[in-house]
Structures are given as C-alpha cells and as structure tokens.
Amino acid sequence: MSFTVTILTRGESGLRAREFRTVNKAAMEEALDSWHRNFLPEHFEPSANARYGYQPRKGDNEGPTVTWRREVGGSTRTYTRKNPAYSWRKRRQKGHNKPLVWSGQLQRQAQRMATLRVMADGKRGWVAMSVPKYTFYYNPGEPKRYEELVRWTPKEIEALAFVIRDQQVMGIRRHNELRRKVIK
C-alpha cells in the first residue's frame, strides 16, 4: 500500500527544514499506523463489498439452491441441489461470508504487525504486510485480491489527512516548546 502527501505550509512554523522533515516523517508514520489499525480490519467485514466496490464473487447474486429442469420421457422433472458457487460453499463450510477471507489466513497475516516505511522527506510511505502468496495471484475473470485489500475510500483518505495534519501541528508545537526551553 502506498501513500503520497503534498504538504502546503502557511506562515512561519519556526522549524528548520530538517526539523520539518522529521515532523512530516512522524506524521506519515502515524497515518500509516492508523490505516493499519483502524481501516484495514474494515476490509474483512461483510459490508466491505459495497464500501470498497469489490468484484462480485461467484454465487453472490444467487440463491442457496440451484434448480434446473430436464425433459424425461415426455415429462419435465425438476431437480434442486445446494448451490456449488464459491460464496455459498464458504457460507456452508466456513460459516461466514466475509470478503477476502476463506480460512482466515489472509486476515490474520495482514492484521499482524506491519512494517511502516516512510521516505526521509516524510512525503511518501507504505505499509509492508506479510500476506500469503495467493494474494498476488491473478487469473483473468478472478478478483485482484491485493488491489481489493489496499483499496481506500474518500472518507479514509480524508481521515488520514486529518491524522497527518494533527500530528504535524503537535510536532511543530513540540519542537517550538523544546527550542524555547533551550533558548531560555
């Protein structure tokens, strides 16, 4: 997952460029950690299909049983059986219909500790998660699991921008208080 921030400053913060980069880096780390703690778990909730616009899985728009008719000796027979589609098999075998989750391995690994990387300028950063290899497999017609896992909504982006802004304000105040204490 990658994140880029454009920083617009107004007025004089009283910080040197190096101190300002340190503040930005800390703010970006906090935003990435906030995404990992608060927004990543939402990708595994049943409501995530609509929220993030996931590609429908086979069987999502079907009933729990499949019915078909066959002509047998001049009469029509109706057959019914359990729906063999992915989403219905998951409901029967695993007892849930959480998106991106079959056995729970992807969810467990993604929500474990992640490595937060932020560039020295504090403008770009990413979250490195240890996820199963199949997360990156793609066959035509199948969902792109990785892209779905790191998808963002506009509300999330806005919330993370507020986190960055608040952390920058706190960092600038902290640096200015430290400078005042040293100067006195």
N, C-alpha and C. Protein backbone atom coordinates (compact mmCIF):
# COMPACT_ATOMS: atom_id res chain seq x y z
N MET A 1 0.84 -1.15 0.00
CA MET A 1 0.00 0.00 0.00
C MET A 1 0.89 1.22 0.00
N SER A 2 0.64 2.15 -0.88
CA SER A 2 1.47 3.33 -1.00
C SER A 2 0.62 4.56 -0.68
N PHE A 3 1.27 5.58 -0.16
CA PHE A 3 0.56 6.79 0.24
C PHE A 3 1.46 7.97 -0.05
N THR A 4 0.97 8.99 -0.75
CA THR A 4 1.76 10.18 -1.05
C THR A 4 1.01 11.40 -0.53
N VAL A 5 1.74 12.31 0.06
CA VAL A 5 1.14 13.51 0.63
C VAL A 5 1.79 14.74 0.02
N THR A 6 0.99 15.72 -0.32
CA THR A 6 1.50 17.02 -0.75
C THR A 6 1.35 17.96 0.44
N ILE A 7 2.42 18.57 0.84
CA ILE A 7 2.41 19.41 2.03
C ILE A 7 2.42 20.87 1.61
N LEU A 8 1.39 21.58 2.04
CA LEU A 8 1.32 23.01 1.80
C LEU A 8 1.46 23.70 3.16
N THR A 9 2.42 24.58 3.27
CA THR A 9 2.62 25.25 4.56
C THR A 9 2.14 26.69 4.44
N ARG A 10 1.56 27.17 5.53
CA ARG A 10 1.12 28.56 5.60
C ARG A 10 1.86 29.22 6.74
N GLY A 11 2.42 30.33 6.48
CA GLY A 11 3.08 31.08 7.54
C GLY A 11 4.40 30.46 7.96
N GLU A 12 4.90 30.97 9.02
CA GLU A 12 6.21 30.55 9.52
C GLU A 12 6.02 29.56 10.66
N SER A 13 6.56 28.36 10.51
CA SER A 13 6.44 27.36 11.57
C SER A 13 7.56 27.49 12.58
N GLY A 14 8.61 28.17 12.21
CA GLY A 14 9.74 28.32 13.11
C GLY A 14 10.67 27.12 13.11
N LEU A 15 10.46 26.18 12.20
CA LEU A 15 11.29 24.98 12.15
C LEU A 15 12.27 25.08 10.99
N ARG A 16 13.42 24.48 11.21
CA ARG A 16 14.37 24.34 10.11
C ARG A 16 13.85 23.23 9.19
N ALA A 17 14.35 23.19 7.98
CA ALA A 17 13.89 22.20 7.01
C ALA A 17 14.08 20.78 7.53
N ARG A 18 15.19 20.52 8.17
CA ARG A 18 15.46 19.18 8.71
C ARG A 18 14.45 18.80 9.80
N GLU A 19 14.14 19.76 10.68
CA GLU A 19 13.16 19.50 11.73
C GLU A 19 11.77 19.28 11.14
N PHE A 20 11.46 20.05 10.10
CA PHE A 20 10.16 19.92 9.46
C PHE A 20 10.02 18.55 8.79
N ARG A 21 11.09 18.06 8.17
CA ARG A 21 11.08 16.71 7.58
C ARG A 21 10.86 15.65 8.66
N THR A 22 11.49 15.83 9.81
CA THR A 22 11.31 14.89 10.92
C THR A 22 9.86 14.88 11.39
N VAL A 23 9.26 16.05 11.48
CA VAL A 23 7.85 16.15 11.88
C VAL A 23 6.97 15.47 10.84
N ASN A 24 7.23 15.72 9.56
CA ASN A 24 6.44 15.10 8.49
C ASN A 24 6.58 13.59 8.50
N LYS A 25 7.78 13.11 8.74
CA LYS A 25 8.01 11.67 8.77
C LYS A 25 7.22 11.03 9.91
N ALA A 26 7.25 11.64 11.09
CA ALA A 26 6.50 11.11 12.23
C ALA A 26 4.99 11.15 11.95
N ALA A 27 4.52 12.20 11.29
CA ALA A 27 3.10 12.32 10.96
C ALA A 27 2.69 11.23 9.97
N MET A 28 3.53 10.99 8.99
CA MET A 28 3.22 9.94 7.99
C MET A 28 3.21 8.57 8.65
N GLU A 29 4.16 8.30 9.54
CA GLU A 29 4.18 7.01 10.24
C GLU A 29 2.91 6.82 11.04
N GLU A 30 2.44 7.87 11.70
CA GLU A 30 1.21 7.78 12.49
C GLU A 30 0.01 7.52 11.58
N ALA A 31 -0.04 8.15 10.41
CA ALA A 31 -1.15 7.95 9.47
C ALA A 31 -1.15 6.51 8.95
N LEU A 32 0.01 5.99 8.60
CA LEU A 32 0.09 4.61 8.11
C LEU A 32 -0.30 3.62 9.21
N ASP A 33 0.15 3.88 10.42
CA ASP A 33 -0.22 3.01 11.54
C ASP A 33 -1.73 3.09 11.79
N SER A 34 -2.29 4.28 11.67
CA SER A 34 -3.73 4.46 11.85
C SER A 34 -4.50 3.68 10.80
N TRP A 35 -4.03 3.70 9.54
CA TRP A 35 -4.70 2.93 8.49
C TRP A 35 -4.66 1.44 8.83
N HIS A 36 -3.49 0.96 9.24
CA HIS A 36 -3.33 -0.46 9.53
C HIS A 36 -4.20 -0.88 10.72
N ARG A 37 -4.28 -0.06 11.75
CA ARG A 37 -5.06 -0.40 12.95
C ARG A 37 -6.57 -0.22 12.74
N ASN A 38 -6.97 0.87 12.07
CA ASN A 38 -8.38 1.24 12.02
C ASN A 38 -9.11 0.88 10.72
N PHE A 39 -8.45 1.01 9.59
CA PHE A 39 -9.15 0.83 8.32
C PHE A 39 -8.92 -0.54 7.69
N LEU A 40 -7.76 -1.13 7.86
CA LEU A 40 -7.53 -2.46 7.29
C LEU A 40 -8.54 -3.49 7.79
N PRO A 41 -8.87 -3.54 9.10
CA PRO A 41 -9.86 -4.53 9.55
C PRO A 41 -11.21 -4.39 8.87
N GLU A 42 -11.56 -3.19 8.42
CA GLU A 42 -12.84 -2.99 7.75
C GLU A 42 -12.91 -3.72 6.40
N HIS A 43 -11.76 -4.04 5.82
CA HIS A 43 -11.74 -4.77 4.55
C HIS A 43 -12.25 -6.19 4.70
N PHE A 44 -12.32 -6.70 5.92
CA PHE A 44 -12.74 -8.07 6.15
C PHE A 44 -14.15 -8.17 6.72
N GLU A 45 -14.86 -7.07 6.78
CA GLU A 45 -16.24 -7.07 7.26
C GLU A 45 -17.18 -7.34 6.08
N PRO A 46 -18.34 -7.96 6.33
CA PRO A 46 -19.28 -8.23 5.23
C PRO A 46 -19.71 -6.97 4.47
N SER A 47 -19.73 -5.82 5.13
CA SER A 47 -20.15 -4.58 4.45
C SER A 47 -19.06 -4.03 3.52
N ALA A 48 -17.88 -4.64 3.52
CA ALA A 48 -16.77 -4.13 2.69
C ALA A 48 -17.03 -4.29 1.20
N ASN A 49 -17.85 -5.27 0.81
CA ASN A 49 -18.15 -5.45 -0.62
C ASN A 49 -18.69 -4.16 -1.22
N ALA A 50 -19.65 -3.56 -0.54
CA ALA A 50 -20.25 -2.33 -1.05
C ALA A 50 -19.35 -1.13 -0.81
N ARG A 51 -18.71 -1.06 0.37
CA ARG A 51 -17.90 0.09 0.73
C ARG A 51 -16.72 0.26 -0.21
N TYR A 52 -16.03 -0.82 -0.53
CA TYR A 52 -14.82 -0.74 -1.35
C TYR A 52 -15.03 -1.14 -2.81
N GLY A 53 -16.23 -1.55 -3.17
CA GLY A 53 -16.52 -1.90 -4.55
C GLY A 53 -15.80 -3.16 -5.01
N TYR A 54 -15.80 -4.18 -4.18
CA TYR A 54 -15.15 -5.44 -4.56
C TYR A 54 -15.89 -6.09 -5.72
N GLN A 55 -15.13 -6.80 -6.53
CA GLN A 55 -15.72 -7.56 -7.63
C GLN A 55 -16.60 -8.66 -7.04
N PRO A 56 -17.83 -8.84 -7.55
CA PRO A 56 -18.69 -9.89 -7.00
C PRO A 56 -18.07 -11.27 -7.18
N ARG A 57 -18.23 -12.10 -6.16
CA ARG A 57 -17.76 -13.48 -6.23
C ARG A 57 -18.87 -14.33 -6.82
N LYS A 58 -18.48 -15.47 -7.36
CA LYS A 58 -19.46 -16.35 -7.96
C LYS A 58 -20.45 -16.82 -6.90
N GLY A 59 -21.72 -16.63 -7.16
CA GLY A 59 -22.76 -17.04 -6.23
C GLY A 59 -23.30 -15.91 -5.38
N ASP A 60 -22.67 -14.74 -5.40
CA ASP A 60 -23.14 -13.63 -4.57
C ASP A 60 -24.56 -13.20 -4.94
N ASN A 61 -24.89 -13.28 -6.21
CA ASN A 61 -26.21 -12.82 -6.66
C ASN A 61 -27.15 -13.99 -6.93
N GLU A 62 -26.90 -15.12 -6.29
CA GLU A 62 -27.72 -16.30 -6.49
C GLU A 62 -28.28 -16.77 -5.16
N GLY A 63 -29.27 -17.63 -5.23
CA GLY A 63 -29.87 -18.19 -4.02
C GLY A 63 -29.05 -19.36 -3.49
N PRO A 64 -29.43 -19.91 -2.33
CA PRO A 64 -28.67 -21.00 -1.72
C PRO A 64 -28.83 -22.34 -2.43
N THR A 65 -29.85 -22.45 -3.29
CA THR A 65 -30.04 -23.69 -4.04
C THR A 65 -30.10 -23.40 -5.53
N VAL A 66 -29.76 -24.40 -6.32
CA VAL A 66 -29.82 -24.30 -7.77
C VAL A 66 -30.90 -25.25 -8.25
N THR A 67 -31.77 -24.77 -9.11
CA THR A 67 -32.86 -25.58 -9.64
C THR A 67 -32.75 -25.63 -11.15
N TRP A 68 -32.94 -26.79 -11.72
CA TRP A 68 -32.96 -26.92 -13.18
C TRP A 68 -34.00 -27.96 -13.56
N ARG A 69 -34.41 -27.91 -14.83
CA ARG A 69 -35.43 -28.83 -15.33
C ARG A 69 -34.85 -29.66 -16.46
N ARG A 70 -35.38 -30.89 -16.55
CA ARG A 70 -34.92 -31.79 -17.60
C ARG A 70 -36.13 -32.56 -18.14
N GLU A 71 -36.15 -32.67 -19.46
CA GLU A 71 -37.20 -33.45 -20.12
C GLU A 71 -36.84 -34.92 -20.00
N VAL A 72 -37.73 -35.71 -19.41
CA VAL A 72 -37.51 -37.14 -19.27
C VAL A 72 -38.77 -37.86 -19.75
N GLY A 73 -38.66 -38.52 -20.91
CA GLY A 73 -39.78 -39.31 -21.43
C GLY A 73 -41.07 -38.53 -21.58
N GLY A 74 -41.02 -37.33 -22.07
CA GLY A 74 -42.22 -36.55 -22.31
C GLY A 74 -42.69 -35.73 -21.12
N SER A 75 -42.11 -35.96 -19.95
CA SER A 75 -42.49 -35.14 -18.80
C SER A 75 -41.28 -34.33 -18.33
N THR A 76 -41.54 -33.27 -17.64
CA THR A 76 -40.47 -32.40 -17.16
C THR A 76 -40.22 -32.68 -15.69
N ARG A 77 -38.97 -32.95 -15.36
CA ARG A 77 -38.59 -33.19 -13.96
C ARG A 77 -37.79 -31.99 -13.47
N THR A 78 -38.02 -31.63 -12.24
CA THR A 78 -37.30 -30.52 -11.63
C THR A 78 -36.32 -31.07 -10.61
N TYR A 79 -35.08 -30.59 -10.70
CA TYR A 79 -34.02 -31.02 -9.78
C TYR A 79 -33.56 -29.81 -8.97
N THR A 80 -33.23 -30.05 -7.72
CA THR A 80 -32.72 -28.99 -6.84
C THR A 80 -31.54 -29.54 -6.07
N ARG A 81 -30.49 -28.70 -5.93
CA ARG A 81 -29.34 -29.07 -5.10
C ARG A 81 -28.72 -27.81 -4.52
N LYS A 82 -27.82 -28.00 -3.56
CA LYS A 82 -27.15 -26.87 -2.94
C LYS A 82 -26.32 -26.13 -3.98
N ASN A 83 -26.28 -24.84 -3.87
CA ASN A 83 -25.52 -24.01 -4.79
C ASN A 83 -24.03 -24.30 -4.60
N PRO A 84 -23.31 -24.73 -5.67
CA PRO A 84 -21.89 -25.05 -5.53
C PRO A 84 -20.97 -23.85 -5.68
N ALA A 85 -21.52 -22.66 -5.89
CA ALA A 85 -20.71 -21.47 -6.12
C ALA A 85 -19.88 -21.11 -4.88
N TYR A 86 -18.79 -20.38 -5.12
CA TYR A 86 -17.82 -20.03 -4.08
C TYR A 86 -18.46 -19.46 -2.82
N SER A 87 -19.26 -18.40 -2.98
CA SER A 87 -19.79 -17.72 -1.79
C SER A 87 -20.71 -18.62 -0.98
N TRP A 88 -21.44 -19.54 -1.62
CA TRP A 88 -22.33 -20.44 -0.88
C TRP A 88 -21.54 -21.58 -0.24
N ARG A 89 -20.50 -22.06 -0.90
CA ARG A 89 -19.65 -23.08 -0.28
C ARG A 89 -18.98 -22.49 0.97
N LYS A 90 -18.54 -21.23 0.87
CA LYS A 90 -17.90 -20.58 2.01
C LYS A 90 -18.89 -20.44 3.17
N ARG A 91 -20.12 -20.07 2.87
CA ARG A 91 -21.13 -19.95 3.92
C ARG A 91 -21.37 -21.30 4.61
N ARG A 92 -21.46 -22.38 3.80
CA ARG A 92 -21.74 -23.70 4.38
C ARG A 92 -20.53 -24.25 5.13
N GLN A 93 -19.34 -24.18 4.52
CA GLN A 93 -18.17 -24.82 5.10
C GLN A 93 -17.51 -23.99 6.20
N LYS A 94 -17.46 -22.69 6.03
CA LYS A 94 -16.74 -21.83 6.98
C LYS A 94 -17.66 -21.05 7.90
N GLY A 95 -18.95 -20.99 7.57
CA GLY A 95 -19.91 -20.33 8.45
C GLY A 95 -19.90 -18.81 8.39
N HIS A 96 -19.35 -18.23 7.32
CA HIS A 96 -19.34 -16.77 7.19
C HIS A 96 -19.31 -16.40 5.71
N ASN A 97 -19.49 -15.13 5.44
CA ASN A 97 -19.34 -14.64 4.07
C ASN A 97 -18.53 -13.35 4.08
N LYS A 98 -17.43 -13.34 4.83
CA LYS A 98 -16.55 -12.17 4.89
C LYS A 98 -15.78 -12.07 3.58
N PRO A 99 -15.65 -10.88 3.03
CA PRO A 99 -14.86 -10.73 1.81
C PRO A 99 -13.36 -10.93 2.09
N LEU A 100 -12.65 -11.43 1.13
CA LEU A 100 -11.21 -11.67 1.18
C LEU A 100 -10.81 -12.76 2.19
N VAL A 101 -11.78 -13.46 2.73
CA VAL A 101 -11.49 -14.46 3.76
C VAL A 101 -12.10 -15.80 3.37
N TRP A 102 -11.29 -16.85 3.32
CA TRP A 102 -11.80 -18.22 3.20
C TRP A 102 -11.49 -18.92 4.53
N SER A 103 -10.22 -19.12 4.79
CA SER A 103 -9.82 -19.80 6.02
C SER A 103 -9.45 -18.81 7.12
N GLY A 104 -9.20 -17.56 6.77
CA GLY A 104 -8.81 -16.56 7.75
C GLY A 104 -7.32 -16.27 7.74
N GLN A 105 -6.56 -17.01 6.92
CA GLN A 105 -5.11 -16.83 6.89
C GLN A 105 -4.72 -15.42 6.43
N LEU A 106 -5.33 -14.94 5.35
CA LEU A 106 -5.01 -13.59 4.85
C LEU A 106 -5.34 -12.54 5.91
N GLN A 107 -6.49 -12.65 6.54
CA GLN A 107 -6.88 -11.69 7.56
C GLN A 107 -5.91 -11.69 8.73
N ARG A 108 -5.56 -12.86 9.22
CA ARG A 108 -4.63 -12.95 10.35
C ARG A 108 -3.27 -12.36 10.00
N GLN A 109 -2.75 -12.73 8.85
CA GLN A 109 -1.42 -12.25 8.48
C GLN A 109 -1.40 -10.76 8.18
N ALA A 110 -2.43 -10.25 7.53
CA ALA A 110 -2.47 -8.82 7.19
C ALA A 110 -2.60 -7.96 8.44
N GLN A 111 -3.34 -8.45 9.44
CA GLN A 111 -3.57 -7.65 10.63
C GLN A 111 -2.48 -7.80 11.68
N ARG A 112 -1.54 -8.70 11.44
CA ARG A 112 -0.40 -8.79 12.36
C ARG A 112 0.46 -7.54 12.19
N MET A 113 1.54 -7.52 12.94
CA MET A 113 2.43 -6.38 12.88
C MET A 113 2.90 -6.12 11.45
N ALA A 114 2.84 -4.89 11.03
CA ALA A 114 3.29 -4.49 9.71
C ALA A 114 4.51 -3.60 9.85
N THR A 115 5.29 -3.55 8.79
CA THR A 115 6.45 -2.67 8.77
C THR A 115 6.04 -1.37 8.08
N LEU A 116 6.22 -0.26 8.77
CA LEU A 116 5.89 1.04 8.21
C LEU A 116 7.16 1.66 7.65
N ARG A 117 7.13 2.02 6.40
CA ARG A 117 8.29 2.65 5.75
C ARG A 117 7.90 4.04 5.30
N VAL A 118 8.72 5.01 5.66
CA VAL A 118 8.46 6.39 5.25
C VAL A 118 9.75 6.93 4.68
N MET A 119 9.64 7.61 3.55
CA MET A 119 10.82 8.22 2.93
C MET A 119 11.34 9.32 3.85
N ALA A 120 12.60 9.67 3.69
CA ALA A 120 13.26 10.65 4.57
C ALA A 120 12.56 12.01 4.54
N ASP A 121 11.97 12.37 3.39
CA ASP A 121 11.30 13.67 3.30
C ASP A 121 9.93 13.67 3.97
N GLY A 122 9.44 12.48 4.33
CA GLY A 122 8.15 12.38 5.01
C GLY A 122 6.96 12.55 4.10
N LYS A 123 7.17 12.59 2.79
CA LYS A 123 6.07 12.81 1.87
C LYS A 123 5.50 11.51 1.30
N ARG A 124 6.26 10.42 1.37
CA ARG A 124 5.80 9.14 0.83
C ARG A 124 6.06 8.04 1.83
N GLY A 125 5.12 7.11 1.87
CA GLY A 125 5.30 6.00 2.79
C GLY A 125 4.46 4.82 2.36
N TRP A 126 4.73 3.66 2.96
CA TRP A 126 3.96 2.47 2.64
C TRP A 126 3.96 1.52 3.83
N VAL A 127 2.99 0.63 3.80
CA VAL A 127 2.85 -0.39 4.84
C VAL A 127 3.24 -1.72 4.19
N ALA A 128 4.24 -2.38 4.76
CA ALA A 128 4.65 -3.70 4.26
C ALA A 128 4.03 -4.75 5.16
N MET A 129 3.14 -5.56 4.57
CA MET A 129 2.46 -6.61 5.34
C MET A 129 2.91 -7.97 4.82
N SER A 130 3.00 -8.91 5.70
CA SER A 130 3.32 -10.28 5.32
C SER A 130 2.01 -11.00 5.02
N VAL A 131 1.71 -11.20 3.75
CA VAL A 131 0.46 -11.86 3.36
C VAL A 131 0.78 -13.11 2.54
N PRO A 132 -0.15 -14.05 2.44
CA PRO A 132 0.09 -15.27 1.67
C PRO A 132 0.35 -14.95 0.19
N LYS A 133 1.08 -15.84 -0.47
CA LYS A 133 1.40 -15.64 -1.88
C LYS A 133 0.17 -15.53 -2.76
N TYR A 134 -0.88 -16.29 -2.43
CA TYR A 134 -2.06 -16.29 -3.29
C TYR A 134 -2.72 -14.92 -3.37
N THR A 135 -2.37 -14.01 -2.47
CA THR A 135 -2.93 -12.66 -2.51
C THR A 135 -2.55 -11.97 -3.82
N PHE A 136 -1.41 -12.34 -4.38
CA PHE A 136 -0.92 -11.68 -5.60
C PHE A 136 -1.22 -12.47 -6.87
N TYR A 137 -1.77 -13.68 -6.75
CA TYR A 137 -2.12 -14.46 -7.93
C TYR A 137 -3.30 -13.82 -8.63
N TYR A 138 -3.29 -13.88 -9.95
CA TYR A 138 -4.41 -13.34 -10.71
C TYR A 138 -4.65 -14.18 -11.95
N ASN A 139 -5.86 -14.64 -12.08
CA ASN A 139 -6.31 -15.29 -13.30
C ASN A 139 -7.41 -14.43 -13.90
N PRO A 140 -7.46 -14.31 -15.23
CA PRO A 140 -8.50 -13.47 -15.84
C PRO A 140 -9.89 -13.88 -15.35
N GLY A 141 -10.68 -12.89 -15.00
CA GLY A 141 -12.02 -13.14 -14.51
C GLY A 141 -12.10 -13.24 -12.99
N GLU A 142 -10.97 -13.47 -12.35
CA GLU A 142 -10.95 -13.54 -10.89
C GLU A 142 -10.68 -12.16 -10.31
N PRO A 143 -11.06 -11.96 -9.06
CA PRO A 143 -10.77 -10.66 -8.43
C PRO A 143 -9.28 -10.49 -8.18
N LYS A 144 -8.85 -9.25 -8.20
CA LYS A 144 -7.47 -8.93 -7.86
C LYS A 144 -7.43 -8.67 -6.36
N ARG A 145 -7.10 -9.71 -5.60
CA ARG A 145 -7.19 -9.66 -4.14
C ARG A 145 -6.34 -8.55 -3.53
N TYR A 146 -5.11 -8.41 -4.02
CA TYR A 146 -4.23 -7.39 -3.44
C TYR A 146 -4.81 -5.99 -3.63
N GLU A 147 -5.30 -5.71 -4.83
CA GLU A 147 -5.87 -4.39 -5.09
C GLU A 147 -7.09 -4.15 -4.21
N GLU A 148 -7.87 -5.19 -3.96
CA GLU A 148 -9.03 -5.04 -3.09
C GLU A 148 -8.59 -4.82 -1.63
N LEU A 149 -7.51 -5.47 -1.24
CA LEU A 149 -7.03 -5.37 0.14
C LEU A 149 -6.56 -3.96 0.48
N VAL A 150 -5.96 -3.26 -0.47
CA VAL A 150 -5.40 -1.94 -0.19
C VAL A 150 -6.24 -0.79 -0.76
N ARG A 151 -7.46 -1.07 -1.16
CA ARG A 151 -8.34 -0.04 -1.70
C ARG A 151 -8.76 0.94 -0.60
N TRP A 152 -8.90 2.22 -0.96
CA TRP A 152 -9.26 3.26 0.01
C TRP A 152 -10.54 3.94 -0.42
N THR A 153 -11.25 4.46 0.55
CA THR A 153 -12.44 5.27 0.25
C THR A 153 -12.06 6.75 0.46
N PRO A 154 -12.80 7.66 -0.13
CA PRO A 154 -12.51 9.09 0.09
C PRO A 154 -12.57 9.48 1.57
N LYS A 155 -13.47 8.87 2.33
CA LYS A 155 -13.56 9.19 3.77
C LYS A 155 -12.30 8.75 4.50
N GLU A 156 -11.73 7.62 4.12
CA GLU A 156 -10.49 7.16 4.74
C GLU A 156 -9.35 8.12 4.43
N ILE A 157 -9.26 8.54 3.19
CA ILE A 157 -8.20 9.48 2.79
C ILE A 157 -8.33 10.78 3.58
N GLU A 158 -9.57 11.26 3.73
CA GLU A 158 -9.80 12.48 4.49
C GLU A 158 -9.41 12.29 5.97
N ALA A 159 -9.78 11.14 6.53
CA ALA A 159 -9.44 10.87 7.93
C ALA A 159 -7.92 10.81 8.12
N LEU A 160 -7.22 10.19 7.18
CA LEU A 160 -5.77 10.10 7.28
C LEU A 160 -5.11 11.46 7.10
N ALA A 161 -5.71 12.30 6.24
CA ALA A 161 -5.19 13.67 6.08
C ALA A 161 -5.31 14.44 7.39
N PHE A 162 -6.41 14.24 8.11
CA PHE A 162 -6.57 14.88 9.42
C PHE A 162 -5.55 14.36 10.42
N VAL A 163 -5.28 13.07 10.37
CA VAL A 163 -4.26 12.49 11.26
C VAL A 163 -2.91 13.15 10.99
N ILE A 164 -2.57 13.26 9.71
CA ILE A 164 -1.28 13.87 9.33
C ILE A 164 -1.23 15.32 9.81
N ARG A 165 -2.31 16.06 9.54
CA ARG A 165 -2.34 17.46 9.94
C ARG A 165 -2.20 17.61 11.46
N ASP A 166 -2.96 16.83 12.20
CA ASP A 166 -2.90 16.92 13.67
C ASP A 166 -1.51 16.56 14.19
N GLN A 167 -0.90 15.53 13.61
CA GLN A 167 0.44 15.12 14.03
C GLN A 167 1.47 16.20 13.69
N GLN A 168 1.30 16.85 12.53
CA GLN A 168 2.22 17.93 12.16
C GLN A 168 2.09 19.09 13.14
N VAL A 169 0.87 19.46 13.47
CA VAL A 169 0.66 20.58 14.41
C VAL A 169 1.29 20.24 15.75
N MET A 170 1.05 19.01 16.25
CA MET A 170 1.63 18.61 17.53
C MET A 170 3.15 18.58 17.46
N GLY A 171 3.69 18.10 16.35
CA GLY A 171 5.14 18.04 16.19
C GLY A 171 5.78 19.41 16.13
N ILE A 172 5.14 20.33 15.43
CA ILE A 172 5.66 21.70 15.35
C ILE A 172 5.63 22.35 16.72
N ARG A 173 4.52 22.17 17.44
CA ARG A 173 4.43 22.75 18.79
C ARG A 173 5.50 22.15 19.70
N ARG A 174 5.69 20.84 19.60
CA ARG A 174 6.69 20.17 20.44
C ARG A 174 8.09 20.72 20.16
N HIS A 175 8.42 20.88 18.88
CA HIS A 175 9.74 21.41 18.51
C HIS A 175 9.90 22.85 19.00
N ASN A 176 8.85 23.65 18.83
CA ASN A 176 8.93 25.04 19.27
C ASN A 176 9.06 25.14 20.79
N GLU A 177 8.36 24.27 21.54
CA GLU A 177 8.49 24.28 23.01
C GLU A 177 9.90 23.86 23.42
N LEU A 178 10.45 22.86 22.75
CA LEU A 178 11.81 22.43 23.06
C LEU A 178 12.80 23.56 22.78
N ARG A 179 12.60 24.28 21.68
CA ARG A 179 13.50 25.36 21.32
C ARG A 179 13.43 26.48 22.36
N ARG A 180 12.18 26.81 22.81
CA ARG A 180 12.03 27.85 23.83
C ARG A 180 12.73 27.47 25.12
N LYS A 181 12.63 26.21 25.50
CA LYS A 181 13.27 25.76 26.74
C LYS A 181 14.78 25.84 26.63
N VAL A 182 15.31 25.51 25.47
CA VAL A 182 16.76 25.53 25.28
C VAL A 182 17.27 26.97 25.25
N ILE A 183 16.54 27.89 24.63
CA ILE A 183 16.98 29.27 24.48
C ILE A 183 16.96 30.00 25.82
N LYS A 184 16.01 29.73 26.68
CA LYS A 184 15.88 30.46 27.94
C LYS A 184 17.02 30.23 28.87
